[in-house]
Amino acid sequence: DREMGLTRRLLERLPDGQFSWKPHEKSMTLGRLAEHLAELPGWAKVAIMDAGIDMSVRRPPDYVPPATRASVLEMFDKNVGEARAALSGRTDGEMMAPWTLKAQGKELFTMPKAIVMRGFVMNHIIHHRGQMTVYLRLKDVPLPSIYGPSADEQM
C-alpha cells in the first residue's frame, strides 16, 4: 500500500499535453511510461488469480491508451484496487503456487506467485517509478519525496 501511494504521488505530477515527449530516441514516451506504471498493479491480480500468462496476447483492438493525467490516475487506481482485492485473504499455500510467464507459447519462467509479486510486479513498479522521476526532472517538474526528501519537497 505504501509503494502504491508513493507511485500515485509521482503520477499526480504528470504534465498533460506532453505524453509524446521522450528523453532519447531509444526511450519510451512519457505517456507510455505513465501508462505502464498505471497498468503494472493490474499484473498483481493476474499473478494471484491465474496460473500464468502469455505476453504475446495483445490488448483488445478497441483499447485506447490513457492520454491525460486523469486517465492515467483512473487506470492506476482501478488496478491498485483490483490488486488489493486479489491479494486479500490469500494463504501461504496459494502464494507459493507456481506461476508461468510465456511468450508465443514458450515458457520464459515459472516461479511461486509470492516471488512473482515481489520481483515481477513490485520491483518492476519501483524500477519504472525511478525512471519516471528522471523523465519528470528533465521536464522540470517538481518531484515528491519518495524514500527521503527530494530537491523539491521535504518529507
C-alpha atoms as a PDB file:
ATOM      1  CA  ASP A   1       0.000   0.000   0.000  1.00  0.00           C
ATOM      2  CA  ARG A   2       2.853   2.390   0.792  1.00  0.00           C
ATOM      3  CA  GLU A   3       4.572   1.770  -2.543  1.00  0.00           C
ATOM      4  CA  MET A   4       1.294   2.300  -4.409  1.00  0.00           C
ATOM      5  CA  GLY A   5       0.752   5.581  -2.559  1.00  0.00           C
ATOM      6  CA  LEU A   6       4.244   6.756  -3.456  1.00  0.00           C
ATOM      7  CA  THR A   7       3.707   5.762  -7.082  1.00  0.00           C
ATOM      8  CA  ARG A   8       0.391   7.618  -7.225  1.00  0.00           C
ATOM      9  CA  ARG A   9       2.018  10.768  -5.814  1.00  0.00           C
ATOM     10  CA  LEU A  10       4.510  10.663  -8.661  1.00  0.00           C
ATOM     11  CA  LEU A  11       1.835  10.038 -11.311  1.00  0.00           C
ATOM     12  CA  GLU A  12      -0.087  13.041  -9.950  1.00  0.00           C
ATOM     13  CA  ARG A  13       2.801  15.192 -11.240  1.00  0.00           C
ATOM     14  CA  LEU A  14       2.422  14.109 -14.888  1.00  0.00           C
ATOM     15  CA  PRO A  15       2.278  17.116 -17.205  1.00  0.00           C
ATOM     16  CA  ASP A  16      -0.741  16.905 -19.505  1.00  0.00           C
ATOM     17  CA  GLY A  17      -0.052  17.643 -23.146  1.00  0.00           C
ATOM     18  CA  GLN A  18       3.478  16.203 -23.027  1.00  0.00           C
ATOM     19  CA  PHE A  19       2.803  12.470 -23.286  1.00  0.00           C
ATOM     20  CA  SER A  20       4.630  12.158 -26.619  1.00  0.00           C
ATOM     21  CA  TRP A  21       7.906  13.511 -25.190  1.00  0.00           C
ATOM     22  CA  LYS A  22      10.822  11.158 -24.630  1.00  0.00           C
ATOM     23  CA  PRO A  23      14.346  11.907 -23.383  1.00  0.00           C
ATOM     24  CA  HIS A  24      16.092   9.879 -26.072  1.00  0.00           C
ATOM     25  CA  GLU A  25      15.161   8.300 -29.408  1.00  0.00           C
ATOM     26  CA  LYS A  26      15.515   4.824 -27.848  1.00  0.00           C
ATOM     27  CA  SER A  27      13.373   5.692 -24.816  1.00  0.00           C
ATOM     28  CA  MET A  28       9.671   5.098 -24.440  1.00  0.00           C
ATOM     29  CA  THR A  29       7.474   8.184 -24.391  1.00  0.00           C
ATOM     30  CA  LEU A  30       6.394   9.851 -21.162  1.00  0.00           C
ATOM     31  CA  GLY A  31       2.835   8.741 -21.900  1.00  0.00           C
ATOM     32  CA  ARG A  32       3.789   5.095 -22.442  1.00  0.00           C
ATOM     33  CA  LEU A  33       5.886   5.082 -19.281  1.00  0.00           C
ATOM     34  CA  ALA A  34       2.965   6.549 -17.302  1.00  0.00           C
ATOM     35  CA  GLU A  35       0.598   4.000 -18.838  1.00  0.00           C
ATOM     36  CA  HIS A  36       2.998   1.187 -17.915  1.00  0.00           C
ATOM     37  CA  LEU A  37       3.176   2.387 -14.299  1.00  0.00           C
ATOM     38  CA  ALA A  38      -0.608   2.538 -14.213  1.00  0.00           C
ATOM     39  CA  GLU A  39      -1.047  -0.970 -15.640  1.00  0.00           C
ATOM     40  CA  LEU A  40       1.607  -2.742 -13.552  1.00  0.00           C
ATOM     41  CA  PRO A  41      -0.512  -3.051 -10.372  1.00  0.00           C
ATOM     42  CA  GLY A  42      -3.003  -4.968 -12.525  1.00  0.00           C
ATOM     43  CA  TRP A  43      -0.345  -7.609 -13.030  1.00  0.00           C
ATOM     44  CA  ALA A  44      -0.751  -8.438  -9.328  1.00  0.00           C
ATOM     45  CA  LYS A  45      -4.314  -9.585  -9.975  1.00  0.00           C
ATOM     46  CA  VAL A  46      -3.129 -11.727 -12.909  1.00  0.00           C
ATOM     47  CA  ALA A  47      -0.307 -13.186 -10.824  1.00  0.00           C
ATOM     48  CA  ILE A  48      -2.662 -14.103  -7.987  1.00  0.00           C
ATOM     49  CA  MET A  49      -5.766 -15.223  -9.870  1.00  0.00           C
ATOM     50  CA  ASP A  50      -4.204 -17.051 -12.841  1.00  0.00           C
ATOM     51  CA  ALA A  51      -1.633 -19.826 -13.259  1.00  0.00           C
ATOM     52  CA  GLY A  52       0.304 -17.689 -15.752  1.00  0.00           C
ATOM     53  CA  ILE A  53       0.081 -15.526 -18.834  1.00  0.00           C
ATOM     54  CA  ASP A  54       1.336 -15.475 -22.394  1.00  0.00           C
ATOM     55  CA  MET A  55       2.738 -11.999 -23.060  1.00  0.00           C
ATOM     56  CA  SER A  56       2.127 -12.326 -26.798  1.00  0.00           C
ATOM     57  CA  VAL A  57      -1.620 -11.944 -26.161  1.00  0.00           C
ATOM     58  CA  ARG A  58      -2.292  -8.354 -27.195  1.00  0.00           C
ATOM     59  CA  ARG A  59      -4.721  -5.744 -25.977  1.00  0.00           C
ATOM     60  CA  PRO A  60      -8.228  -5.675 -27.413  1.00  0.00           C
ATOM     61  CA  PRO A  61      -8.487  -3.866 -30.768  1.00  0.00           C
ATOM     62  CA  ASP A  62     -10.626  -1.129 -29.188  1.00  0.00           C
ATOM     63  CA  TYR A  63      -8.069  -0.366 -26.427  1.00  0.00           C
ATOM     64  CA  VAL A  64      -7.247   3.335 -26.115  1.00  0.00           C
ATOM     65  CA  PRO A  65      -4.153   4.261 -24.074  1.00  0.00           C
ATOM     66  CA  PRO A  66      -4.617   6.960 -21.447  1.00  0.00           C
ATOM     67  CA  ALA A  67      -3.859  10.405 -22.865  1.00  0.00           C
ATOM     68  CA  THR A  68      -4.252  12.579 -19.762  1.00  0.00           C
ATOM     69  CA  ARG A  69      -3.032  12.591 -16.185  1.00  0.00           C
ATOM     70  CA  ALA A  70      -6.619  11.982 -15.039  1.00  0.00           C
ATOM     71  CA  SER A  71      -6.987   8.888 -17.234  1.00  0.00           C
ATOM     72  CA  VAL A  72      -3.623   7.515 -16.042  1.00  0.00           C
ATOM     73  CA  LEU A  73      -4.680   8.005 -12.414  1.00  0.00           C
ATOM     74  CA  GLU A  74      -8.039   6.371 -13.091  1.00  0.00           C
ATOM     75  CA  MET A  75      -6.306   3.323 -14.606  1.00  0.00           C
ATOM     76  CA  PHE A  76      -3.815   3.179 -11.744  1.00  0.00           C
ATOM     77  CA  ASP A  77      -6.496   3.434  -9.031  1.00  0.00           C
ATOM     78  CA  LYS A  78      -8.619   0.727 -10.671  1.00  0.00           C
ATOM     79  CA  ASN A  79      -5.656  -1.635 -10.937  1.00  0.00           C
ATOM     80  CA  VAL A  80      -4.485  -0.966  -7.376  1.00  0.00           C
ATOM     81  CA  GLY A  81      -7.993  -1.694  -6.071  1.00  0.00           C
ATOM     82  CA  GLU A  82      -8.194  -4.949  -8.016  1.00  0.00           C
ATOM     83  CA  ALA A  83      -4.700  -5.946  -6.847  1.00  0.00           C
ATOM     84  CA  ARG A  84      -5.589  -5.274  -3.214  1.00  0.00           C
ATOM     85  CA  ALA A  85      -8.799  -7.339  -3.554  1.00  0.00           C
ATOM     86  CA  ALA A  86      -6.937 -10.221  -5.239  1.00  0.00           C
ATOM     87  CA  LEU A  87      -4.287 -10.286  -2.500  1.00  0.00           C
ATOM     88  CA  SER A  88      -6.699 -10.040   0.414  1.00  0.00           C
ATOM     89  CA  GLY A  89      -7.000 -13.244   2.394  1.00  0.00           C
ATOM     90  CA  ARG A  90      -4.570 -15.317   0.314  1.00  0.00           C
ATOM     91  CA  THR A  91      -2.907 -18.180   2.136  1.00  0.00           C
ATOM     92  CA  ASP A  92       0.772 -19.076   2.119  1.00  0.00           C
ATOM     93  CA  GLY A  93      -0.109 -22.128   0.055  1.00  0.00           C
ATOM     94  CA  GLU A  94      -1.847 -20.018  -2.579  1.00  0.00           C
ATOM     95  CA  MET A  95       1.095 -17.622  -2.718  1.00  0.00           C
ATOM     96  CA  MET A  96       3.571 -20.495  -3.150  1.00  0.00           C
ATOM     97  CA  ALA A  97       1.643 -21.960  -6.106  1.00  0.00           C
ATOM     98  CA  PRO A  98       3.597 -21.825  -9.382  1.00  0.00           C
ATOM     99  CA  TRP A  99       3.001 -19.074 -11.934  1.00  0.00           C
ATOM    100  CA  THR A 100       4.350 -19.201 -15.508  1.00  0.00           C
ATOM    101  CA  LEU A 101       5.229 -16.408 -17.921  1.00  0.00           C
ATOM    102  CA  LYS A 102       5.190 -17.364 -21.592  1.00  0.00           C
ATOM    103  CA  ALA A 103       5.822 -15.553 -24.856  1.00  0.00           C
ATOM    104  CA  GLN A 104       4.396 -17.055 -28.028  1.00  0.00           C
ATOM    105  CA  GLY A 105       3.771 -20.288 -26.150  1.00  0.00           C
ATOM    106  CA  LYS A 106       7.388 -20.612 -24.973  1.00  0.00           C
ATOM    107  CA  GLU A 107       7.929 -20.692 -21.213  1.00  0.00           C
ATOM    108  CA  LEU A 108      10.175 -17.856 -20.017  1.00  0.00           C
ATOM    109  CA  PHE A 109       9.980 -18.709 -16.323  1.00  0.00           C
ATOM    110  CA  THR A 110       7.930 -20.431 -13.641  1.00  0.00           C
ATOM    111  CA  MET A 111       8.176 -19.353 -10.014  1.00  0.00           C
ATOM    112  CA  PRO A 112       5.992 -19.100  -6.903  1.00  0.00           C
ATOM    113  CA  LYS A 113       3.338 -16.390  -7.015  1.00  0.00           C
ATOM    114  CA  ALA A 114       4.892 -14.685  -3.968  1.00  0.00           C
ATOM    115  CA  ILE A 115       8.166 -14.287  -5.870  1.00  0.00           C
ATOM    116  CA  VAL A 116       6.285 -13.053  -8.953  1.00  0.00           C
ATOM    117  CA  MET A 117       4.588 -10.431  -6.762  1.00  0.00           C
ATOM    118  CA  ARG A 118       7.896  -9.185  -5.389  1.00  0.00           C
ATOM    119  CA  GLY A 119      10.101  -9.397  -8.466  1.00  0.00           C
ATOM    120  CA  PHE A 120       7.828  -9.152 -11.460  1.00  0.00           C
ATOM    121  CA  VAL A 121       5.255  -6.741 -10.005  1.00  0.00           C
ATOM    122  CA  MET A 122       6.678  -4.663  -7.122  1.00  0.00           C
ATOM    123  CA  ASN A 123      10.308  -4.375  -8.241  1.00  0.00           C
ATOM    124  CA  HIS A 124       9.084  -3.625 -11.757  1.00  0.00           C
ATOM    125  CA  ILE A 125       6.907  -0.780 -10.459  1.00  0.00           C
ATOM    126  CA  ILE A 126       9.738   0.619  -8.348  1.00  0.00           C
ATOM    127  CA  HIS A 127      12.143   0.438 -11.302  1.00  0.00           C
ATOM    128  CA  HIS A 128       9.828   2.355 -13.629  1.00  0.00           C
ATOM    129  CA  ARG A 129       8.910   4.821 -10.890  1.00  0.00           C
ATOM    130  CA  GLY A 130      12.602   5.701 -10.653  1.00  0.00           C
ATOM    131  CA  GLN A 131      12.720   6.070 -14.425  1.00  0.00           C
ATOM    132  CA  MET A 132       9.696   8.388 -14.232  1.00  0.00           C
ATOM    133  CA  THR A 133      11.492  10.630 -11.722  1.00  0.00           C
ATOM    134  CA  VAL A 134      14.263  11.173 -14.268  1.00  0.00           C
ATOM    135  CA  TYR A 135      11.765  11.942 -17.035  1.00  0.00           C
ATOM    136  CA  LEU A 136       9.942  14.445 -14.825  1.00  0.00           C
ATOM    137  CA  ARG A 137      13.187  16.064 -13.615  1.00  0.00           C
ATOM    138  CA  LEU A 138      14.217  16.567 -17.256  1.00  0.00           C
ATOM    139  CA  LYS A 139      10.826  18.252 -17.829  1.00  0.00           C
ATOM    140  CA  ASP A 140      11.466  20.489 -14.788  1.00  0.00           C
ATOM    141  CA  VAL A 141       8.524  19.025 -12.879  1.00  0.00           C
ATOM    142  CA  PRO A 142       8.933  19.243  -9.070  1.00  0.00           C
ATOM    143  CA  LEU A 143       9.383  15.759  -7.612  1.00  0.00           C
ATOM    144  CA  PRO A 144       7.687  14.442  -4.481  1.00  0.00           C
ATOM    145  CA  SER A 145       9.664  12.934  -1.645  1.00  0.00           C
ATOM    146  CA  ILE A 146       9.691   9.163  -2.018  1.00  0.00           C
ATOM    147  CA  TYR A 147      12.156   7.461   0.347  1.00  0.00           C
ATOM    148  CA  GLY A 148      13.531  10.739   1.588  1.00  0.00           C
ATOM    149  CA  PRO A 149      13.282  14.390   0.705  1.00  0.00           C
ATOM    150  CA  SER A 150      13.615  15.432  -2.915  1.00  0.00           C
ATOM    151  CA  ALA A 151      15.209  18.668  -4.062  1.00  0.00           C
ATOM    152  CA  ASP A 152      11.635  19.977  -4.339  1.00  0.00           C
ATOM    153  CA  GLU A 153       9.825  18.541  -1.322  1.00  0.00           C
ATOM    154  CA  GLN A 154      10.690  17.706   2.252  1.00  0.00           C
ATOM    155  CA  MET A 155       9.228  14.593   3.871  1.00  0.00           C
END
